[in-house]
Amino acid sequence: MSKLSPISLTLLRNQELTPHMRRLTLKAPCVADFEQVSAGSYIKLLFNSYGGTDLTQLAESQRPAMRTYSIRALDRQRQTLTLDIVMHGQGEETGPGSNWAVNAQVGEQIDMVGPGHLAKNAAIEEGADWYFLVGDATALPAISTYLEALPNKAEGHALILVKSRADAQSLKAPKGMQVQWCYAQEGNELLTETLRIDWLPGRVAVWVACEFDDMRLLRQYFRNQRSVPHQDIYISSYWRRGKPEDQHVIDKRYDAEAYATSL
């Protein structure tokens, strides 16, 4: 555990944001020192082998299970950070992160490591003619922060897949950014809905984060069919159907290596 250098967070608020997402506000004095950290960065929450937060139950040779979440908001003055956590199923169907989030009480503590920074592409960093953001509910916190940070004159599309219409949120975005929701319960799929969206002229900044198999389909579309340059696209999988995070990380690494050799 010493190599991980975990930070202890205290839960201040736990609220249902939509039927399949909860918003948790957590506090730690060190948040005041996160000078280079902003909303959209990520942290990893730590759990023991039973899905609990008491890491003293781990043997010295054991590593905790980790679940990665984007920071939705950060308040250095109040020493707080906010996480929006997707609710995956119920009981045994859910993972330790969402299971903890739905049951966590104010005052409880949980350990984290991080924060880390998400990569951006050159077009977002330098400015683009238009923007195309695509993601599912796990990417919604990051997409929300990017929309808020875009220039007022930004134009483009944000396509977000959530479970149901009740899971759509009111997002702050430039007037020129068209936010479109699609719904898994109605049979919508990210690739199909992406193909329906008009392609605009000029240099595009593409940002994609979603399930592993969906990511591979979207990567083929943006890289191969639309010929978006490598430096103008960020694309990542945040999870994989039927796989725990540890296995997903391995699959993700092998896929990235295989893809790099195919270029």
C-alpha atoms as a PDB file:
ATOM      1  CA  MET A   1       0.000   0.000   0.000  1.00  0.00           C
ATOM      2  CA  SER A   2       2.889   2.403   0.607  1.00  0.00           C
ATOM      3  CA  LYS A   3       3.658   2.489  -3.142  1.00  0.00           C
ATOM      4  CA  LEU A   4       0.106   3.620  -3.883  1.00  0.00           C
ATOM      5  CA  SER A   5       0.193   6.510  -1.375  1.00  0.00           C
ATOM      6  CA  PRO A   6      -3.602   6.554  -0.975  1.00  0.00           C
ATOM      7  CA  ILE A   7      -5.504   9.675   0.044  1.00  0.00           C
ATOM      8  CA  SER A   8      -8.482   9.419   2.388  1.00  0.00           C
ATOM      9  CA  LEU A   9     -11.677  11.173   1.284  1.00  0.00           C
ATOM     10  CA  THR A  10     -14.715  11.906   3.454  1.00  0.00           C
ATOM     11  CA  LEU A  11     -18.177  11.777   1.908  1.00  0.00           C
ATOM     12  CA  LEU A  12     -20.075  15.064   2.346  1.00  0.00           C
ATOM     13  CA  ARG A  13     -23.057  14.520   0.062  1.00  0.00           C
ATOM     14  CA  ASN A  14     -24.625  11.648  -1.876  1.00  0.00           C
ATOM     15  CA  GLN A  15     -27.550  12.361  -4.165  1.00  0.00           C
ATOM     16  CA  GLU A  16     -29.395  10.684  -7.018  1.00  0.00           C
ATOM     17  CA  LEU A  17     -28.707  12.728 -10.126  1.00  0.00           C
ATOM     18  CA  THR A  18     -30.697  10.561 -12.549  1.00  0.00           C
ATOM     19  CA  PRO A  19     -32.100   7.017 -12.206  1.00  0.00           C
ATOM     20  CA  HIS A  20     -28.741   5.524 -13.219  1.00  0.00           C
ATOM     21  CA  MET A  21     -26.250   8.076 -11.896  1.00  0.00           C
ATOM     22  CA  ARG A  22     -25.376   9.370  -8.436  1.00  0.00           C
ATOM     23  CA  ARG A  23     -23.407  12.519  -7.577  1.00  0.00           C
ATOM     24  CA  LEU A  24     -20.995  12.263  -4.652  1.00  0.00           C
ATOM     25  CA  THR A  25     -19.142  15.189  -3.086  1.00  0.00           C
ATOM     26  CA  LEU A  26     -16.011  14.220  -1.149  1.00  0.00           C
ATOM     27  CA  LYS A  27     -13.528  16.217   0.883  1.00  0.00           C
ATOM     28  CA  ALA A  28      -9.830  15.995   1.710  1.00  0.00           C
ATOM     29  CA  PRO A  29      -7.445  18.789   2.784  1.00  0.00           C
ATOM     30  CA  CYS A  30      -4.998  17.871  -0.009  1.00  0.00           C
ATOM     31  CA  VAL A  31      -7.546  18.888  -2.667  1.00  0.00           C
ATOM     32  CA  ALA A  32      -6.527  22.484  -1.931  1.00  0.00           C
ATOM     33  CA  ASP A  33      -3.081  21.616  -3.310  1.00  0.00           C
ATOM     34  CA  PHE A  34      -4.309  20.149  -6.623  1.00  0.00           C
ATOM     35  CA  GLU A  35      -2.956  23.141  -8.538  1.00  0.00           C
ATOM     36  CA  GLN A  36      -2.500  21.378 -11.883  1.00  0.00           C
ATOM     37  CA  VAL A  37      -5.731  19.373 -11.586  1.00  0.00           C
ATOM     38  CA  SER A  38      -9.022  20.347 -13.180  1.00  0.00           C
ATOM     39  CA  ALA A  39     -12.436  18.870 -13.764  1.00  0.00           C
ATOM     40  CA  GLY A  40     -12.063  16.091 -16.315  1.00  0.00           C
ATOM     41  CA  SER A  41      -8.978  14.659 -14.613  1.00  0.00           C
ATOM     42  CA  TYR A  42      -9.468  11.267 -13.028  1.00  0.00           C
ATOM     43  CA  ILE A  43      -8.966   9.448  -9.749  1.00  0.00           C
ATOM     44  CA  LYS A  44      -9.090   5.797  -8.713  1.00  0.00           C
ATOM     45  CA  LEU A  45     -11.205   4.707  -5.735  1.00  0.00           C
ATOM     46  CA  LEU A  46      -9.851   1.728  -3.780  1.00  0.00           C
ATOM     47  CA  PHE A  47     -11.793  -1.295  -2.511  1.00  0.00           C
ATOM     48  CA  ASN A  48     -10.945  -4.467  -0.612  1.00  0.00           C
ATOM     49  CA  SER A  49     -11.625  -7.962  -1.972  1.00  0.00           C
ATOM     50  CA  TYR A  50     -15.162  -7.890  -0.518  1.00  0.00           C
ATOM     51  CA  GLY A  51     -16.065  -4.635  -2.260  1.00  0.00           C
ATOM     52  CA  GLY A  52     -15.740  -2.640   0.966  1.00  0.00           C
ATOM     53  CA  THR A  53     -13.588   0.391   1.650  1.00  0.00           C
ATOM     54  CA  ASP A  54     -11.647  -0.908   4.689  1.00  0.00           C
ATOM     55  CA  LEU A  55      -8.216  -1.584   3.223  1.00  0.00           C
ATOM     56  CA  THR A  56      -6.859  -2.912   6.529  1.00  0.00           C
ATOM     57  CA  GLN A  57      -8.573  -6.180   5.575  1.00  0.00           C
ATOM     58  CA  LEU A  58      -6.103  -6.665   2.718  1.00  0.00           C
ATOM     59  CA  ALA A  59      -3.107  -8.898   3.212  1.00  0.00           C
ATOM     60  CA  GLU A  60       0.248  -7.135   2.862  1.00  0.00           C
ATOM     61  CA  SER A  61       0.799  -8.763  -0.554  1.00  0.00           C
ATOM     62  CA  GLN A  62      -2.702  -7.871  -1.811  1.00  0.00           C
ATOM     63  CA  ARG A  63      -3.487  -4.853  -3.921  1.00  0.00           C
ATOM     64  CA  PRO A  64      -6.875  -3.191  -3.660  1.00  0.00           C
ATOM     65  CA  ALA A  65      -9.389  -3.265  -6.482  1.00  0.00           C
ATOM     66  CA  MET A  66      -9.505   0.078  -8.294  1.00  0.00           C
ATOM     67  CA  ARG A  67     -12.334   1.858 -10.076  1.00  0.00           C
ATOM     68  CA  THR A  68     -11.586   4.932 -12.194  1.00  0.00           C
ATOM     69  CA  TYR A  69     -13.792   8.041 -12.235  1.00  0.00           C
ATOM     70  CA  SER A  70     -13.568  11.437 -13.901  1.00  0.00           C
ATOM     71  CA  ILE A  71     -13.698  14.457 -11.610  1.00  0.00           C
ATOM     72  CA  ARG A  72     -16.911  16.319 -12.424  1.00  0.00           C
ATOM     73  CA  ALA A  73     -16.089  19.380 -10.322  1.00  0.00           C
ATOM     74  CA  LEU A  74     -13.227  20.559  -8.127  1.00  0.00           C
ATOM     75  CA  ASP A  75     -13.339  23.247  -5.436  1.00  0.00           C
ATOM     76  CA  ARG A  76      -9.917  23.930  -3.965  1.00  0.00           C
ATOM     77  CA  GLN A  77     -11.244  26.518  -1.523  1.00  0.00           C
ATOM     78  CA  ARG A  78     -13.714  24.073   0.000  1.00  0.00           C
ATOM     79  CA  GLN A  79     -11.267  21.170  -0.488  1.00  0.00           C
ATOM     80  CA  THR A  80     -13.895  19.109  -2.306  1.00  0.00           C
ATOM     81  CA  LEU A  81     -14.197  17.098  -5.478  1.00  0.00           C
ATOM     82  CA  THR A  82     -17.359  15.790  -7.089  1.00  0.00           C
ATOM     83  CA  LEU A  83     -17.821  12.453  -8.835  1.00  0.00           C
ATOM     84  CA  ASP A  84     -20.767  11.352 -10.978  1.00  0.00           C
ATOM     85  CA  ILE A  85     -20.931   7.552 -10.736  1.00  0.00           C
ATOM     86  CA  VAL A  86     -22.962   5.348 -13.071  1.00  0.00           C
ATOM     87  CA  MET A  87     -25.190   2.764 -11.417  1.00  0.00           C
ATOM     88  CA  HIS A  88     -24.614  -0.647 -13.033  1.00  0.00           C
ATOM     89  CA  GLY A  89     -27.402  -3.120 -12.219  1.00  0.00           C
ATOM     90  CA  GLN A  90     -28.273  -4.302  -8.737  1.00  0.00           C
ATOM     91  CA  GLY A  91     -26.797  -6.700  -6.185  1.00  0.00           C
ATOM     92  CA  GLU A  92     -24.315  -9.108  -7.757  1.00  0.00           C
ATOM     93  CA  GLU A  93     -24.740  -7.413 -11.154  1.00  0.00           C
ATOM     94  CA  THR A  94     -23.056  -4.246  -9.950  1.00  0.00           C
ATOM     95  CA  GLY A  95     -19.382  -3.514  -9.357  1.00  0.00           C
ATOM     96  CA  PRO A  96     -17.793  -2.288  -6.110  1.00  0.00           C
ATOM     97  CA  GLY A  97     -17.842   1.366  -7.183  1.00  0.00           C
ATOM     98  CA  SER A  98     -21.531   1.677  -7.975  1.00  0.00           C
ATOM     99  CA  ASN A  99     -22.470  -0.656  -5.117  1.00  0.00           C
ATOM    100  CA  TRP A 100     -20.585   1.579  -2.680  1.00  0.00           C
ATOM    101  CA  ALA A 101     -22.003   4.761  -4.195  1.00  0.00           C
ATOM    102  CA  VAL A 102     -25.632   3.715  -3.833  1.00  0.00           C
ATOM    103  CA  ASN A 103     -25.164   2.768  -0.167  1.00  0.00           C
ATOM    104  CA  ALA A 104     -22.523   5.220   1.090  1.00  0.00           C
ATOM    105  CA  GLN A 105     -23.535   7.451   3.978  1.00  0.00           C
ATOM    106  CA  VAL A 106     -22.369  10.989   4.758  1.00  0.00           C
ATOM    107  CA  GLY A 107     -19.261  10.864   6.929  1.00  0.00           C
ATOM    108  CA  GLU A 108     -17.945   7.616   5.487  1.00  0.00           C
ATOM    109  CA  GLN A 109     -14.371   7.522   4.225  1.00  0.00           C
ATOM    110  CA  ILE A 110     -12.850   5.969   1.127  1.00  0.00           C
ATOM    111  CA  ASP A 111      -9.290   5.923  -0.168  1.00  0.00           C
ATOM    112  CA  MET A 112      -8.212   7.134  -3.592  1.00  0.00           C
ATOM    113  CA  VAL A 113      -5.038   7.381  -5.645  1.00  0.00           C
ATOM    114  CA  GLY A 114      -4.346  10.048  -8.220  1.00  0.00           C
ATOM    115  CA  PRO A 115      -5.338  12.337  -9.657  1.00  0.00           C
ATOM    116  CA  GLY A 116      -4.243  11.676 -13.210  1.00  0.00           C
ATOM    117  CA  HIS A 117      -4.755  13.704 -16.356  1.00  0.00           C
ATOM    118  CA  LEU A 118      -6.674  12.687 -19.460  1.00  0.00           C
ATOM    119  CA  ALA A 119      -4.859  13.212 -22.725  1.00  0.00           C
ATOM    120  CA  LYS A 120      -6.188  15.846 -25.101  1.00  0.00           C
ATOM    121  CA  ASN A 121      -5.672  15.987 -28.828  1.00  0.00           C
ATOM    122  CA  ALA A 122      -3.873  18.780 -30.647  1.00  0.00           C
ATOM    123  CA  ALA A 123      -7.043  20.192 -32.171  1.00  0.00           C
ATOM    124  CA  ILE A 124      -8.628  20.746 -28.761  1.00  0.00           C
ATOM    125  CA  GLU A 125      -5.408  22.226 -27.409  1.00  0.00           C
ATOM    126  CA  GLU A 126      -4.790  24.567 -30.353  1.00  0.00           C
ATOM    127  CA  GLY A 127      -8.333  25.225 -31.506  1.00  0.00           C
ATOM    128  CA  ALA A 128     -10.361  23.486 -34.186  1.00  0.00           C
ATOM    129  CA  ASP A 129     -12.988  24.484 -36.731  1.00  0.00           C
ATOM    130  CA  TRP A 130     -15.479  22.192 -35.011  1.00  0.00           C
ATOM    131  CA  TYR A 131     -15.751  19.520 -32.311  1.00  0.00           C
ATOM    132  CA  PHE A 132     -17.197  16.013 -32.184  1.00  0.00           C
ATOM    133  CA  LEU A 133     -17.587  14.467 -28.710  1.00  0.00           C
ATOM    134  CA  VAL A 134     -18.975  10.935 -28.370  1.00  0.00           C
ATOM    135  CA  GLY A 135     -19.449   8.815 -25.263  1.00  0.00           C
ATOM    136  CA  ASP A 136     -21.696   6.718 -23.087  1.00  0.00           C
ATOM    137  CA  ALA A 137     -22.780   7.406 -19.503  1.00  0.00           C
ATOM    138  CA  THR A 138     -19.326   6.602 -18.112  1.00  0.00           C
ATOM    139  CA  ALA A 139     -17.898   9.435 -20.227  1.00  0.00           C
ATOM    140  CA  LEU A 140     -20.674  11.897 -19.409  1.00  0.00           C
ATOM    141  CA  PRO A 141     -18.783  13.621 -16.542  1.00  0.00           C
ATOM    142  CA  ALA A 142     -15.765  14.224 -18.799  1.00  0.00           C
ATOM    143  CA  ILE A 143     -17.880  15.330 -21.759  1.00  0.00           C
ATOM    144  CA  SER A 144     -19.762  17.747 -19.493  1.00  0.00           C
ATOM    145  CA  THR A 145     -16.531  19.400 -18.374  1.00  0.00           C
ATOM    146  CA  TYR A 146     -15.219  19.672 -21.940  1.00  0.00           C
ATOM    147  CA  LEU A 147     -18.454  21.294 -23.118  1.00  0.00           C
ATOM    148  CA  GLU A 148     -18.182  23.842 -20.315  1.00  0.00           C
ATOM    149  CA  ALA A 149     -14.562  24.592 -21.231  1.00  0.00           C
ATOM    150  CA  LEU A 150     -15.031  25.041 -24.993  1.00  0.00           C
ATOM    151  CA  PRO A 151     -14.879  28.562 -26.462  1.00  0.00           C
ATOM    152  CA  ASN A 152     -18.226  30.379 -26.648  1.00  0.00           C
ATOM    153  CA  LYS A 153     -18.039  30.309 -30.449  1.00  0.00           C
ATOM    154  CA  ALA A 154     -17.398  26.547 -30.613  1.00  0.00           C
ATOM    155  CA  GLU A 155     -19.489  24.545 -33.052  1.00  0.00           C
ATOM    156  CA  GLY A 156     -20.043  20.845 -33.473  1.00  0.00           C
ATOM    157  CA  HIS A 157     -21.756  17.852 -31.924  1.00  0.00           C
ATOM    158  CA  ALA A 158     -21.864  15.971 -28.634  1.00  0.00           C
ATOM    159  CA  LEU A 159     -23.495  12.534 -28.801  1.00  0.00           C
ATOM    160  CA  ILE A 160     -24.170  10.782 -25.502  1.00  0.00           C
ATOM    161  CA  LEU A 161     -25.614   7.301 -24.935  1.00  0.00           C
ATOM    162  CA  VAL A 162     -27.470   6.783 -21.639  1.00  0.00           C
ATOM    163  CA  LYS A 163     -29.790   4.022 -20.496  1.00  0.00           C
ATOM    164  CA  SER A 164     -33.129   5.841 -20.646  1.00  0.00           C
ATOM    165  CA  ARG A 165     -34.656   9.223 -21.434  1.00  0.00           C
ATOM    166  CA  ALA A 166     -34.809   9.912 -17.701  1.00  0.00           C
ATOM    167  CA  ASP A 167     -30.992   9.761 -17.618  1.00  0.00           C
ATOM    168  CA  ALA A 168     -30.480  12.733 -19.940  1.00  0.00           C
ATOM    169  CA  GLN A 169     -29.136  15.815 -18.160  1.00  0.00           C
ATOM    170  CA  SER A 170     -29.252  19.548 -18.738  1.00  0.00           C
ATOM    171  CA  LEU A 171     -25.718  20.448 -19.822  1.00  0.00           C
ATOM    172  CA  LYS A 172     -24.009  23.804 -20.185  1.00  0.00           C
ATOM    173  CA  ALA A 173     -22.575  24.103 -23.695  1.00  0.00           C
ATOM    174  CA  PRO A 174     -21.849  26.766 -26.334  1.00  0.00           C
ATOM    175  CA  LYS A 175     -24.886  27.536 -28.504  1.00  0.00           C
ATOM    176  CA  GLY A 176     -23.128  26.112 -31.544  1.00  0.00           C
ATOM    177  CA  MET A 177     -22.634  22.697 -29.922  1.00  0.00           C
ATOM    178  CA  GLN A 178     -25.560  20.412 -30.683  1.00  0.00           C
ATOM    179  CA  VAL A 179     -26.028  18.007 -27.769  1.00  0.00           C
ATOM    180  CA  GLN A 180     -27.816  14.830 -28.806  1.00  0.00           C
ATOM    181  CA  TRP A 181     -28.922  12.043 -26.474  1.00  0.00           C
ATOM    182  CA  CYS A 182     -29.550   8.430 -27.440  1.00  0.00           C
ATOM    183  CA  TYR A 183     -30.978   5.647 -25.299  1.00  0.00           C
ATOM    184  CA  ALA A 184     -29.841   2.073 -24.816  1.00  0.00           C
ATOM    185  CA  GLN A 185     -33.331   0.998 -23.682  1.00  0.00           C
ATOM    186  CA  GLU A 186     -34.667   2.091 -27.080  1.00  0.00           C
ATOM    187  CA  GLY A 187     -32.066   0.087 -28.980  1.00  0.00           C
ATOM    188  CA  ASN A 188     -29.833   3.037 -29.862  1.00  0.00           C
ATOM    189  CA  GLU A 189     -26.147   2.299 -30.498  1.00  0.00           C
ATOM    190  CA  LEU A 190     -23.289   4.790 -30.547  1.00  0.00           C
ATOM    191  CA  LEU A 191     -21.912   3.882 -33.968  1.00  0.00           C
ATOM    192  CA  THR A 192     -25.320   3.938 -35.675  1.00  0.00           C
ATOM    193  CA  GLU A 193     -26.193   7.297 -34.157  1.00  0.00           C
ATOM    194  CA  THR A 194     -22.744   8.698 -34.959  1.00  0.00           C
ATOM    195  CA  LEU A 195     -23.199   7.811 -38.628  1.00  0.00           C
ATOM    196  CA  ARG A 196     -26.436   9.828 -38.698  1.00  0.00           C
ATOM    197  CA  ILE A 197     -24.708  13.076 -37.745  1.00  0.00           C
ATOM    198  CA  ASP A 198     -23.702  15.474 -40.511  1.00  0.00           C
ATOM    199  CA  TRP A 199     -19.968  15.885 -41.050  1.00  0.00           C
ATOM    200  CA  LEU A 200     -18.973  19.554 -40.978  1.00  0.00           C
ATOM    201  CA  PRO A 201     -16.220  21.188 -43.053  1.00  0.00           C
ATOM    202  CA  GLY A 202     -12.826  22.107 -41.649  1.00  0.00           C
ATOM    203  CA  ARG A 203     -10.514  20.666 -39.028  1.00  0.00           C
ATOM    204  CA  VAL A 204     -12.326  18.560 -36.446  1.00  0.00           C
ATOM    205  CA  ALA A 205     -11.345  17.723 -32.877  1.00  0.00           C
ATOM    206  CA  VAL A 206     -12.708  14.267 -32.028  1.00  0.00           C
ATOM    207  CA  TRP A 207     -13.014  13.041 -28.432  1.00  0.00           C
ATOM    208  CA  VAL A 208     -14.454   9.565 -27.787  1.00  0.00           C
ATOM    209  CA  ALA A 209     -14.783   7.463 -24.624  1.00  0.00           C
ATOM    210  CA  CYS A 210     -17.109   4.509 -24.153  1.00  0.00           C
ATOM    211  CA  GLU A 211     -17.325   0.699 -23.889  1.00  0.00           C
ATOM    212  CA  PHE A 212     -14.396  -1.269 -25.382  1.00  0.00           C
ATOM    213  CA  ASP A 213     -16.154  -2.849 -28.377  1.00  0.00           C
ATOM    214  CA  ASP A 214     -17.996   0.388 -29.188  1.00  0.00           C
ATOM    215  CA  MET A 215     -14.673   2.237 -29.028  1.00  0.00           C
ATOM    216  CA  ARG A 216     -13.129  -0.081 -31.625  1.00  0.00           C
ATOM    217  CA  LEU A 217     -16.026   0.488 -34.024  1.00  0.00           C
ATOM    218  CA  LEU A 218     -15.865   4.257 -33.576  1.00  0.00           C
ATOM    219  CA  ARG A 219     -12.091   4.256 -33.953  1.00  0.00           C
ATOM    220  CA  GLN A 220     -12.441   2.548 -37.319  1.00  0.00           C
ATOM    221  CA  TYR A 221     -15.028   5.112 -38.402  1.00  0.00           C
ATOM    222  CA  PHE A 222     -13.115   8.229 -37.378  1.00  0.00           C
ATOM    223  CA  ARG A 223      -9.616   7.017 -38.298  1.00  0.00           C
ATOM    224  CA  ASN A 224     -10.309   4.959 -41.411  1.00  0.00           C
ATOM    225  CA  GLN A 225     -13.526   6.259 -42.930  1.00  0.00           C
ATOM    226  CA  ARG A 226     -13.181   9.914 -41.942  1.00  0.00           C
ATOM    227  CA  SER A 227      -9.350   9.996 -41.985  1.00  0.00           C
ATOM    228  CA  VAL A 228      -9.092  12.106 -38.834  1.00  0.00           C
ATOM    229  CA  PRO A 229      -5.345  12.577 -38.136  1.00  0.00           C
ATOM    230  CA  HIS A 230      -3.924  10.871 -35.070  1.00  0.00           C
ATOM    231  CA  GLN A 231      -3.121  14.161 -33.368  1.00  0.00           C
ATOM    232  CA  ASP A 232      -6.704  15.397 -33.741  1.00  0.00           C
ATOM    233  CA  ILE A 233      -8.438  12.486 -32.045  1.00  0.00           C
ATOM    234  CA  TYR A 234      -8.587  11.160 -28.499  1.00  0.00           C
ATOM    235  CA  ILE A 235     -10.310   7.788 -28.252  1.00  0.00           C
ATOM    236  CA  SER A 236     -10.428   5.448 -25.266  1.00  0.00           C
ATOM    237  CA  SER A 237     -12.475   2.674 -23.715  1.00  0.00           C
ATOM    238  CA  TYR A 238     -13.624   3.238 -20.143  1.00  0.00           C
ATOM    239  CA  TRP A 239     -14.979  -0.272 -19.551  1.00  0.00           C
ATOM    240  CA  ARG A 240     -15.687  -3.617 -21.241  1.00  0.00           C
ATOM    241  CA  ARG A 241     -18.889  -5.626 -21.107  1.00  0.00           C
ATOM    242  CA  GLY A 242     -18.577  -8.629 -18.814  1.00  0.00           C
ATOM    243  CA  LYS A 243     -15.038  -7.780 -17.670  1.00  0.00           C
ATOM    244  CA  PRO A 244     -13.756  -6.304 -14.389  1.00  0.00           C
ATOM    245  CA  GLU A 245     -11.605  -3.194 -14.616  1.00  0.00           C
ATOM    246  CA  ASP A 246      -8.332  -5.064 -14.075  1.00  0.00           C
ATOM    247  CA  GLN A 247      -8.991  -7.306 -17.084  1.00  0.00           C
ATOM    248  CA  HIS A 248     -10.251  -4.401 -19.145  1.00  0.00           C
ATOM    249  CA  VAL A 249      -6.984  -2.546 -18.560  1.00  0.00           C
ATOM    250  CA  ILE A 250      -5.060  -5.556 -19.911  1.00  0.00           C
ATOM    251  CA  ASP A 251      -7.352  -5.896 -22.940  1.00  0.00           C
ATOM    252  CA  LYS A 252      -7.059  -2.182 -23.583  1.00  0.00           C
ATOM    253  CA  ARG A 253      -3.275  -2.293 -23.560  1.00  0.00           C
ATOM    254  CA  TYR A 254      -3.079  -5.282 -25.947  1.00  0.00           C
ATOM    255  CA  ASP A 255      -5.594  -3.662 -28.284  1.00  0.00           C
ATOM    256  CA  ALA A 256      -3.644  -0.395 -28.362  1.00  0.00           C
ATOM    257  CA  GLU A 257      -0.403  -2.239 -29.128  1.00  0.00           C
ATOM    258  CA  ALA A 258      -2.026  -4.292 -31.900  1.00  0.00           C
ATOM    259  CA  TYR A 259      -3.631  -1.216 -33.407  1.00  0.00           C
ATOM    260  CA  ALA A 260      -0.358   0.739 -33.337  1.00  0.00           C
ATOM    261  CA  THR A 261       1.421  -1.992 -35.286  1.00  0.00           C
ATOM    262  CA  SER A 262      -1.339  -2.008 -37.909  1.00  0.00           C
ATOM    263  CA  LEU A 263      -0.911   1.662 -38.796  1.00  0.00           C
END
